[in-house]
Amino acid sequence: MCGRFTLTTDLREVAERFCVAPPATADFKPRFNIAPSQSVIVIGDDGRRLMQSMQWGLIPHWAKDPALGNRLINARSETLAEKPSFCEALKKRRCLIPADGFYEWRKVGKAKQPVRIVLKSRAPFGLAGLWDRWISPEKKEILTCTIITTAANELLQEFHDRMPALLQREDEARWLDPAQTDPLQLLPLLKPYPSELMEYYPVSRQVNSPRADEPGNIEPLVDGRTP
C-alpha cells in the first residue's frame, strides 16, 4: 500500500521533470510527510498536460457520502478494471502524482521502525493514480485522487506485499494519453518498479504522526538518532 509519501523537490524542478507548466497561483511548499485527506500535486492530460492540487482519497462522482474517500486512498492494480469506484476513471481520468520518496514500516521487536524509500538517483518519480470530480449538495466541486498499488518488488517485500505503482519514465506519456482507453494496454504499465534502482533508510518515528511535516522526517537515522 501507500499511506505516506514526500515531495521535497522544488516545484519548478518537478514541472520540468514532467514537462508541464507549474500553476501560476500554486501555493506549494516542500512536503516531508504527506498523509491521506491532504492536498497533493497531480499531473493530468486533457489534450495538454496540466498540474493542479487535489485531495488524496478518491470520492467517485456518483458517491452519496464523501467519507468514501477515506477508504479509497489506494487502488489495487489487479482489480481496477472491475471495481465500480475505479473502472471508469481507469479509462478516462488517469494521472501522475509526483513524489520523491515514500514511507513503509519495518517490525523491530514489538515496535515499528519507519523507513523512507527513494530512487538511488534521488530524482522525483511519478506514482500512477486516478482522479475524479465530486460535486457536493452545495454545488462545491472537489477534485480527489487515489494512488495505485501493485505487488511489492524484492527490495520492499520485507515491509509489505504491496507498493505504489511507480511508472517507468518512458511509460508516463502512454498512461496520461487521453486517447488511450483500453485497460489491456494500460494495466501492463502497473508493474513492480525495479529493485536495483531503489533503496531505503530508517528515519525518525515522528513520521508516525500525520501532523509531523518537518525536514527532519527525511534525515537518516545514525545509531538510532537523526544526525
C-alpha atoms as a PDB file:
ATOM      1  CA  MET A   1       0.000   0.000   0.000  1.00  0.00           C
ATOM      2  CA  CYS A   2       0.999   3.657   0.136  1.00  0.00           C
ATOM      3  CA  GLY A   3      -0.061   5.660   3.169  1.00  0.00           C
ATOM      4  CA  ARG A   4       2.594   8.395   3.370  1.00  0.00           C
ATOM      5  CA  PHE A   5       4.966   9.998   0.886  1.00  0.00           C
ATOM      6  CA  THR A   6       7.169  13.042   0.332  1.00  0.00           C
ATOM      7  CA  LEU A   7       7.628  15.734  -2.279  1.00  0.00           C
ATOM      8  CA  THR A   8      10.526  17.912  -1.187  1.00  0.00           C
ATOM      9  CA  THR A   9      11.726  18.797  -4.697  1.00  0.00           C
ATOM     10  CA  ASP A  10      11.313  22.404  -5.877  1.00  0.00           C
ATOM     11  CA  LEU A  11       8.061  22.786  -7.838  1.00  0.00           C
ATOM     12  CA  ARG A  12       9.885  24.229 -10.847  1.00  0.00           C
ATOM     13  CA  GLU A  13      12.093  21.145 -10.990  1.00  0.00           C
ATOM     14  CA  VAL A  14       9.030  18.917 -10.695  1.00  0.00           C
ATOM     15  CA  ALA A  15       7.346  20.801 -13.539  1.00  0.00           C
ATOM     16  CA  GLU A  16      10.435  20.453 -15.725  1.00  0.00           C
ATOM     17  CA  ARG A  17      10.731  16.741 -14.933  1.00  0.00           C
ATOM     18  CA  PHE A  18       7.122  16.091 -16.004  1.00  0.00           C
ATOM     19  CA  CYS A  19       7.093  18.537 -18.942  1.00  0.00           C
ATOM     20  CA  VAL A  20       4.328  20.732 -17.571  1.00  0.00           C
ATOM     21  CA  ALA A  21       3.992  24.378 -16.586  1.00  0.00           C
ATOM     22  CA  PRO A  22       3.511  24.946 -12.845  1.00  0.00           C
ATOM     23  CA  PRO A  23       0.210  26.623 -11.952  1.00  0.00           C
ATOM     24  CA  ALA A  24       0.564  30.399 -11.713  1.00  0.00           C
ATOM     25  CA  THR A  25      -1.080  30.500  -8.289  1.00  0.00           C
ATOM     26  CA  ALA A  26       0.435  27.323  -6.812  1.00  0.00           C
ATOM     27  CA  ASP A  27       0.661  27.544  -3.026  1.00  0.00           C
ATOM     28  CA  PHE A  28       3.406  24.939  -2.742  1.00  0.00           C
ATOM     29  CA  LYS A  29       5.962  24.198  -0.081  1.00  0.00           C
ATOM     30  CA  PRO A  30       8.166  21.122   0.345  1.00  0.00           C
ATOM     31  CA  ARG A  31       6.270  18.266   1.976  1.00  0.00           C
ATOM     32  CA  PHE A  32       8.008  15.765   4.254  1.00  0.00           C
ATOM     33  CA  ASN A  33       5.065  13.629   5.364  1.00  0.00           C
ATOM     34  CA  ILE A  34       2.045  13.765   3.062  1.00  0.00           C
ATOM     35  CA  ALA A  35      -0.928  11.899   4.529  1.00  0.00           C
ATOM     36  CA  PRO A  36      -4.378  10.875   3.258  1.00  0.00           C
ATOM     37  CA  SER A  37      -7.048  13.604   3.046  1.00  0.00           C
ATOM     38  CA  GLN A  38      -4.340  16.230   2.495  1.00  0.00           C
ATOM     39  CA  SER A  39      -3.708  18.199  -0.683  1.00  0.00           C
ATOM     40  CA  VAL A  40      -1.319  16.678  -3.232  1.00  0.00           C
ATOM     41  CA  ILE A  41       0.133  17.794  -6.561  1.00  0.00           C
ATOM     42  CA  VAL A  42      -1.384  15.929  -9.511  1.00  0.00           C
ATOM     43  CA  ILE A  43      -0.464  15.897 -13.211  1.00  0.00           C
ATOM     44  CA  GLY A  44      -3.120  15.090 -15.798  1.00  0.00           C
ATOM     45  CA  ASP A  45      -3.710  15.446 -19.517  1.00  0.00           C
ATOM     46  CA  ASP A  46      -6.897  16.690 -21.187  1.00  0.00           C
ATOM     47  CA  GLY A  47      -5.172  17.253 -24.517  1.00  0.00           C
ATOM     48  CA  ARG A  48      -2.388  19.162 -22.804  1.00  0.00           C
ATOM     49  CA  ARG A  49      -0.533  18.419 -19.595  1.00  0.00           C
ATOM     50  CA  LEU A  50      -1.589  20.350 -16.535  1.00  0.00           C
ATOM     51  CA  MET A  51      -0.614  20.441 -12.876  1.00  0.00           C
ATOM     52  CA  GLN A  52      -3.102  21.079 -10.093  1.00  0.00           C
ATOM     53  CA  SER A  53      -3.869  20.258  -6.478  1.00  0.00           C
ATOM     54  CA  MET A  54      -6.269  17.515  -5.420  1.00  0.00           C
ATOM     55  CA  GLN A  55      -7.345  15.880  -2.172  1.00  0.00           C
ATOM     56  CA  TRP A  56      -5.826  12.460  -1.526  1.00  0.00           C
ATOM     57  CA  GLY A  57      -8.648   9.937  -1.176  1.00  0.00           C
ATOM     58  CA  LEU A  58     -10.863   9.300  -4.209  1.00  0.00           C
ATOM     59  CA  ILE A  59     -14.512  10.324  -3.985  1.00  0.00           C
ATOM     60  CA  PRO A  60     -16.259   8.813  -7.046  1.00  0.00           C
ATOM     61  CA  HIS A  61     -18.504  11.282  -8.822  1.00  0.00           C
ATOM     62  CA  TRP A  62     -21.539   9.092  -8.032  1.00  0.00           C
ATOM     63  CA  ALA A  63     -20.820   8.818  -4.283  1.00  0.00           C
ATOM     64  CA  LYS A  64     -23.574   9.856  -1.876  1.00  0.00           C
ATOM     65  CA  ASP A  65     -21.174  10.315   1.040  1.00  0.00           C
ATOM     66  CA  PRO A  66     -17.759  11.987   0.601  1.00  0.00           C
ATOM     67  CA  ALA A  67     -16.461   9.923   3.532  1.00  0.00           C
ATOM     68  CA  LEU A  68     -15.994   7.127   0.983  1.00  0.00           C
ATOM     69  CA  GLY A  69     -12.770   8.894   0.013  1.00  0.00           C
ATOM     70  CA  ASN A  70     -11.237   7.961   3.374  1.00  0.00           C
ATOM     71  CA  ARG A  71     -11.284   4.309   2.254  1.00  0.00           C
ATOM     72  CA  LEU A  72     -10.069   4.905  -1.294  1.00  0.00           C
ATOM     73  CA  ILE A  73      -6.562   6.288  -0.793  1.00  0.00           C
ATOM     74  CA  ASN A  74      -5.179   3.296  -2.732  1.00  0.00           C
ATOM     75  CA  ALA A  75      -6.452   1.200  -5.634  1.00  0.00           C
ATOM     76  CA  ARG A  76      -5.173  -2.299  -6.418  1.00  0.00           C
ATOM     77  CA  SER A  77      -3.885  -2.531  -9.990  1.00  0.00           C
ATOM     78  CA  GLU A  78      -5.222  -6.065 -10.414  1.00  0.00           C
ATOM     79  CA  THR A  79      -8.865  -5.065  -9.906  1.00  0.00           C
ATOM     80  CA  LEU A  80      -9.017  -1.554 -11.387  1.00  0.00           C
ATOM     81  CA  ALA A  81     -10.991  -2.669 -14.440  1.00  0.00           C
ATOM     82  CA  GLU A  82     -13.593  -4.441 -12.266  1.00  0.00           C
ATOM     83  CA  LYS A  83     -14.250  -2.143  -9.309  1.00  0.00           C
ATOM     84  CA  PRO A  84     -17.082   0.407  -9.778  1.00  0.00           C
ATOM     85  CA  SER A  85     -15.044   3.027  -7.933  1.00  0.00           C
ATOM     86  CA  PHE A  86     -12.174   2.811 -10.433  1.00  0.00           C
ATOM     87  CA  CYS A  87     -13.162   1.247 -13.772  1.00  0.00           C
ATOM     88  CA  GLU A  88     -14.445   4.439 -15.405  1.00  0.00           C
ATOM     89  CA  ALA A  89     -11.556   6.515 -14.076  1.00  0.00           C
ATOM     90  CA  LEU A  90      -9.097   3.950 -15.468  1.00  0.00           C
ATOM     91  CA  LYS A  91     -10.427   4.694 -18.942  1.00  0.00           C
ATOM     92  CA  LYS A  92     -10.946   8.450 -18.639  1.00  0.00           C
ATOM     93  CA  ARG A  93      -9.271  10.009 -15.586  1.00  0.00           C
ATOM     94  CA  ARG A  94      -5.704   8.828 -15.097  1.00  0.00           C
ATOM     95  CA  CYS A  95      -2.999  10.952 -13.512  1.00  0.00           C
ATOM     96  CA  LEU A  96       0.517  11.041 -12.133  1.00  0.00           C
ATOM     97  CA  ILE A  97       1.214  12.012  -8.542  1.00  0.00           C
ATOM     98  CA  PRO A  98       4.786  13.362  -8.235  1.00  0.00           C
ATOM     99  CA  ALA A  99       6.832  12.146  -5.277  1.00  0.00           C
ATOM    100  CA  ASP A 100      10.479  11.795  -4.294  1.00  0.00           C
ATOM    101  CA  GLY A 101      10.058   9.215  -1.546  1.00  0.00           C
ATOM    102  CA  PHE A 102       7.509   7.210   0.398  1.00  0.00           C
ATOM    103  CA  TYR A 103       7.402   5.570   3.811  1.00  0.00           C
ATOM    104  CA  GLU A 104       6.984   1.998   4.995  1.00  0.00           C
ATOM    105  CA  TRP A 105       7.364   0.425   8.436  1.00  0.00           C
ATOM    106  CA  ARG A 106       9.643  -2.428   9.485  1.00  0.00           C
ATOM    107  CA  LYS A 107       8.879  -4.555  12.547  1.00  0.00           C
ATOM    108  CA  VAL A 108      11.616  -4.222  15.176  1.00  0.00           C
ATOM    109  CA  GLY A 109      10.610  -6.348  18.136  1.00  0.00           C
ATOM    110  CA  LYS A 110       7.227  -5.048  19.248  1.00  0.00           C
ATOM    111  CA  ALA A 111       7.795  -1.653  17.646  1.00  0.00           C
ATOM    112  CA  LYS A 112       7.691  -0.479  14.048  1.00  0.00           C
ATOM    113  CA  GLN A 113      10.580   1.456  12.538  1.00  0.00           C
ATOM    114  CA  PRO A 114       9.685   3.807   9.659  1.00  0.00           C
ATOM    115  CA  VAL A 115      11.915   3.795   6.590  1.00  0.00           C
ATOM    116  CA  ARG A 116      11.967   6.180   3.654  1.00  0.00           C
ATOM    117  CA  ILE A 117      12.131   4.575   0.210  1.00  0.00           C
ATOM    118  CA  VAL A 118      13.700   6.570  -2.615  1.00  0.00           C
ATOM    119  CA  LEU A 119      15.295   6.152  -6.016  1.00  0.00           C
ATOM    120  CA  LYS A 120      19.049   5.760  -5.824  1.00  0.00           C
ATOM    121  CA  SER A 121      19.293   8.826  -8.076  1.00  0.00           C
ATOM    122  CA  ARG A 122      17.137  10.788  -5.569  1.00  0.00           C
ATOM    123  CA  ALA A 123      15.146  12.049  -8.568  1.00  0.00           C
ATOM    124  CA  PRO A 124      11.387  12.656  -8.335  1.00  0.00           C
ATOM    125  CA  PHE A 125       9.130   9.990  -9.838  1.00  0.00           C
ATOM    126  CA  GLY A 126       5.526   9.614 -10.896  1.00  0.00           C
ATOM    127  CA  LEU A 127       3.070   7.467  -8.963  1.00  0.00           C
ATOM    128  CA  ALA A 128       0.267   6.112 -11.126  1.00  0.00           C
ATOM    129  CA  GLY A 129      -3.073   7.468  -9.993  1.00  0.00           C
ATOM    130  CA  LEU A 130      -6.729   8.017 -10.827  1.00  0.00           C
ATOM    131  CA  TRP A 131      -8.802  11.110 -10.157  1.00  0.00           C
ATOM    132  CA  ASP A 132     -12.442  12.143 -10.055  1.00  0.00           C
ATOM    133  CA  ARG A 133     -14.628  15.209  -9.631  1.00  0.00           C
ATOM    134  CA  TRP A 134     -17.311  15.209  -6.927  1.00  0.00           C
ATOM    135  CA  ILE A 135     -20.000  17.872  -6.578  1.00  0.00           C
ATOM    136  CA  SER A 136     -21.354  18.468  -3.087  1.00  0.00           C
ATOM    137  CA  PRO A 137     -25.050  19.164  -2.383  1.00  0.00           C
ATOM    138  CA  GLU A 138     -23.996  22.825  -2.088  1.00  0.00           C
ATOM    139  CA  LYS A 139     -22.583  22.590  -5.664  1.00  0.00           C
ATOM    140  CA  LYS A 140     -18.986  22.789  -4.486  1.00  0.00           C
ATOM    141  CA  GLU A 141     -16.517  20.976  -6.734  1.00  0.00           C
ATOM    142  CA  ILE A 142     -13.989  18.696  -5.016  1.00  0.00           C
ATOM    143  CA  LEU A 143     -11.172  17.067  -7.006  1.00  0.00           C
ATOM    144  CA  THR A 144      -9.767  13.905  -5.468  1.00  0.00           C
ATOM    145  CA  CYS A 145      -7.281  11.188  -6.366  1.00  0.00           C
ATOM    146  CA  THR A 146      -6.038   7.749  -5.395  1.00  0.00           C
ATOM    147  CA  ILE A 147      -2.624   6.085  -5.676  1.00  0.00           C
ATOM    148  CA  ILE A 148      -2.494   2.752  -7.484  1.00  0.00           C
ATOM    149  CA  THR A 149      -0.607  -0.104  -5.842  1.00  0.00           C
ATOM    150  CA  THR A 150       0.968  -3.245  -7.267  1.00  0.00           C
ATOM    151  CA  ALA A 151       2.886  -6.239  -5.929  1.00  0.00           C
ATOM    152  CA  ALA A 152       5.991  -5.320  -3.922  1.00  0.00           C
ATOM    153  CA  ASN A 153       9.368  -5.782  -5.575  1.00  0.00           C
ATOM    154  CA  GLU A 154      12.084  -7.868  -3.905  1.00  0.00           C
ATOM    155  CA  LEU A 155      13.526  -4.882  -2.031  1.00  0.00           C
ATOM    156  CA  LEU A 156      10.254  -3.981  -0.352  1.00  0.00           C
ATOM    157  CA  GLN A 157       8.782  -7.405   0.352  1.00  0.00           C
ATOM    158  CA  GLU A 158      10.179  -7.379   3.891  1.00  0.00           C
ATOM    159  CA  PHE A 159       7.890  -4.432   4.701  1.00  0.00           C
ATOM    160  CA  HIS A 160       4.697  -5.191   2.796  1.00  0.00           C
ATOM    161  CA  ASP A 161       3.337  -7.298  -0.047  1.00  0.00           C
ATOM    162  CA  ARG A 162       2.212  -4.122  -1.878  1.00  0.00           C
ATOM    163  CA  MET A 163       3.968  -0.989  -3.112  1.00  0.00           C
ATOM    164  CA  PRO A 164       2.849   2.126  -5.009  1.00  0.00           C
ATOM    165  CA  ALA A 165       2.952   1.747  -8.779  1.00  0.00           C
ATOM    166  CA  LEU A 166       5.907   3.894  -9.871  1.00  0.00           C
ATOM    167  CA  LEU A 167       5.735   4.329 -13.614  1.00  0.00           C
ATOM    168  CA  GLN A 168       8.798   3.978 -15.768  1.00  0.00           C
ATOM    169  CA  ARG A 169       9.527   7.369 -17.266  1.00  0.00           C
ATOM    170  CA  GLU A 170       9.021   6.092 -20.807  1.00  0.00           C
ATOM    171  CA  ASP A 171       5.522   4.854 -19.866  1.00  0.00           C
ATOM    172  CA  GLU A 172       4.226   8.110 -18.389  1.00  0.00           C
ATOM    173  CA  ALA A 173       3.016   9.604 -21.675  1.00  0.00           C
ATOM    174  CA  ARG A 174       1.012   6.487 -22.532  1.00  0.00           C
ATOM    175  CA  TRP A 175      -0.543   6.428 -19.059  1.00  0.00           C
ATOM    176  CA  LEU A 176      -1.642  10.051 -19.369  1.00  0.00           C
ATOM    177  CA  ASP A 177      -2.738   9.877 -23.033  1.00  0.00           C
ATOM    178  CA  PRO A 178      -6.493  10.693 -23.051  1.00  0.00           C
ATOM    179  CA  ALA A 179      -6.865   8.847 -26.363  1.00  0.00           C
ATOM    180  CA  GLN A 180      -5.816   5.586 -24.697  1.00  0.00           C
ATOM    181  CA  THR A 181      -8.870   3.933 -23.091  1.00  0.00           C
ATOM    182  CA  ASP A 182      -8.094   0.222 -23.394  1.00  0.00           C
ATOM    183  CA  PRO A 183      -7.349  -1.374 -20.000  1.00  0.00           C
ATOM    184  CA  LEU A 184      -5.468  -4.170 -21.753  1.00  0.00           C
ATOM    185  CA  GLN A 185      -2.940  -1.576 -22.939  1.00  0.00           C
ATOM    186  CA  LEU A 186      -2.777   0.289 -19.622  1.00  0.00           C
ATOM    187  CA  LEU A 187      -2.671  -2.373 -16.924  1.00  0.00           C
ATOM    188  CA  PRO A 188       0.702  -3.862 -18.008  1.00  0.00           C
ATOM    189  CA  LEU A 189       2.312  -0.498 -17.144  1.00  0.00           C
ATOM    190  CA  LEU A 190       1.460  -1.034 -13.460  1.00  0.00           C
ATOM    191  CA  LYS A 191       4.249  -3.437 -12.588  1.00  0.00           C
ATOM    192  CA  PRO A 192       6.705  -3.502  -9.664  1.00  0.00           C
ATOM    193  CA  TYR A 193       9.481  -0.947 -10.080  1.00  0.00           C
ATOM    194  CA  PRO A 194      12.985  -2.473 -10.454  1.00  0.00           C
ATOM    195  CA  SER A 195      14.545  -3.121  -7.051  1.00  0.00           C
ATOM    196  CA  GLU A 196      18.038  -2.286  -8.256  1.00  0.00           C
ATOM    197  CA  LEU A 197      17.018   1.332  -8.871  1.00  0.00           C
ATOM    198  CA  MET A 198      15.686   1.870  -5.339  1.00  0.00           C
ATOM    199  CA  GLU A 199      16.996   1.992  -1.781  1.00  0.00           C
ATOM    200  CA  TYR A 200      15.722   2.780   1.703  1.00  0.00           C
ATOM    201  CA  TYR A 201      16.970   4.083   5.034  1.00  0.00           C
ATOM    202  CA  PRO A 202      15.485   4.356   8.540  1.00  0.00           C
ATOM    203  CA  VAL A 203      14.026   7.672   9.694  1.00  0.00           C
ATOM    204  CA  SER A 204      12.578   9.196  12.851  1.00  0.00           C
ATOM    205  CA  ARG A 205       9.401   7.752  14.325  1.00  0.00           C
ATOM    206  CA  GLN A 206       7.951  11.259  14.276  1.00  0.00           C
ATOM    207  CA  VAL A 207       6.637  10.430  10.782  1.00  0.00           C
ATOM    208  CA  ASN A 208       4.121   8.173  12.540  1.00  0.00           C
ATOM    209  CA  SER A 209       2.103  11.326  13.193  1.00  0.00           C
ATOM    210  CA  PRO A 210       0.436  12.837  10.113  1.00  0.00           C
ATOM    211  CA  ARG A 211       0.806  16.231  11.811  1.00  0.00           C
ATOM    212  CA  ALA A 212       4.603  15.960  11.683  1.00  0.00           C
ATOM    213  CA  ASP A 213       5.685  17.555   8.404  1.00  0.00           C
ATOM    214  CA  GLU A 214       9.232  18.648   9.150  1.00  0.00           C
ATOM    215  CA  PRO A 215      12.563  18.424   7.252  1.00  0.00           C
ATOM    216  CA  GLY A 216      13.892  16.162   9.984  1.00  0.00           C
ATOM    217  CA  ASN A 217      11.471  13.455   8.842  1.00  0.00           C
ATOM    218  CA  ILE A 218      13.666  12.575   5.868  1.00  0.00           C
ATOM    219  CA  GLU A 219      17.008  12.659   7.682  1.00  0.00           C
ATOM    220  CA  PRO A 220      18.561   9.176   8.046  1.00  0.00           C
ATOM    221  CA  LEU A 221      18.950   7.701  11.497  1.00  0.00           C
ATOM    222  CA  VAL A 222      22.511   7.164  12.697  1.00  0.00           C
ATOM    223  CA  ASP A 223      22.740   4.751  15.654  1.00  0.00           C
ATOM    224  CA  GLY A 224      19.067   5.340  16.308  1.00  0.00           C
ATOM    225  CA  ARG A 225      19.345   9.128  16.130  1.00  0.00           C
ATOM    226  CA  THR A 226      18.988  11.693  13.375  1.00  0.00           C
ATOM    227  CA  PRO A 227      22.374  13.311  12.564  1.00  0.00           C
END
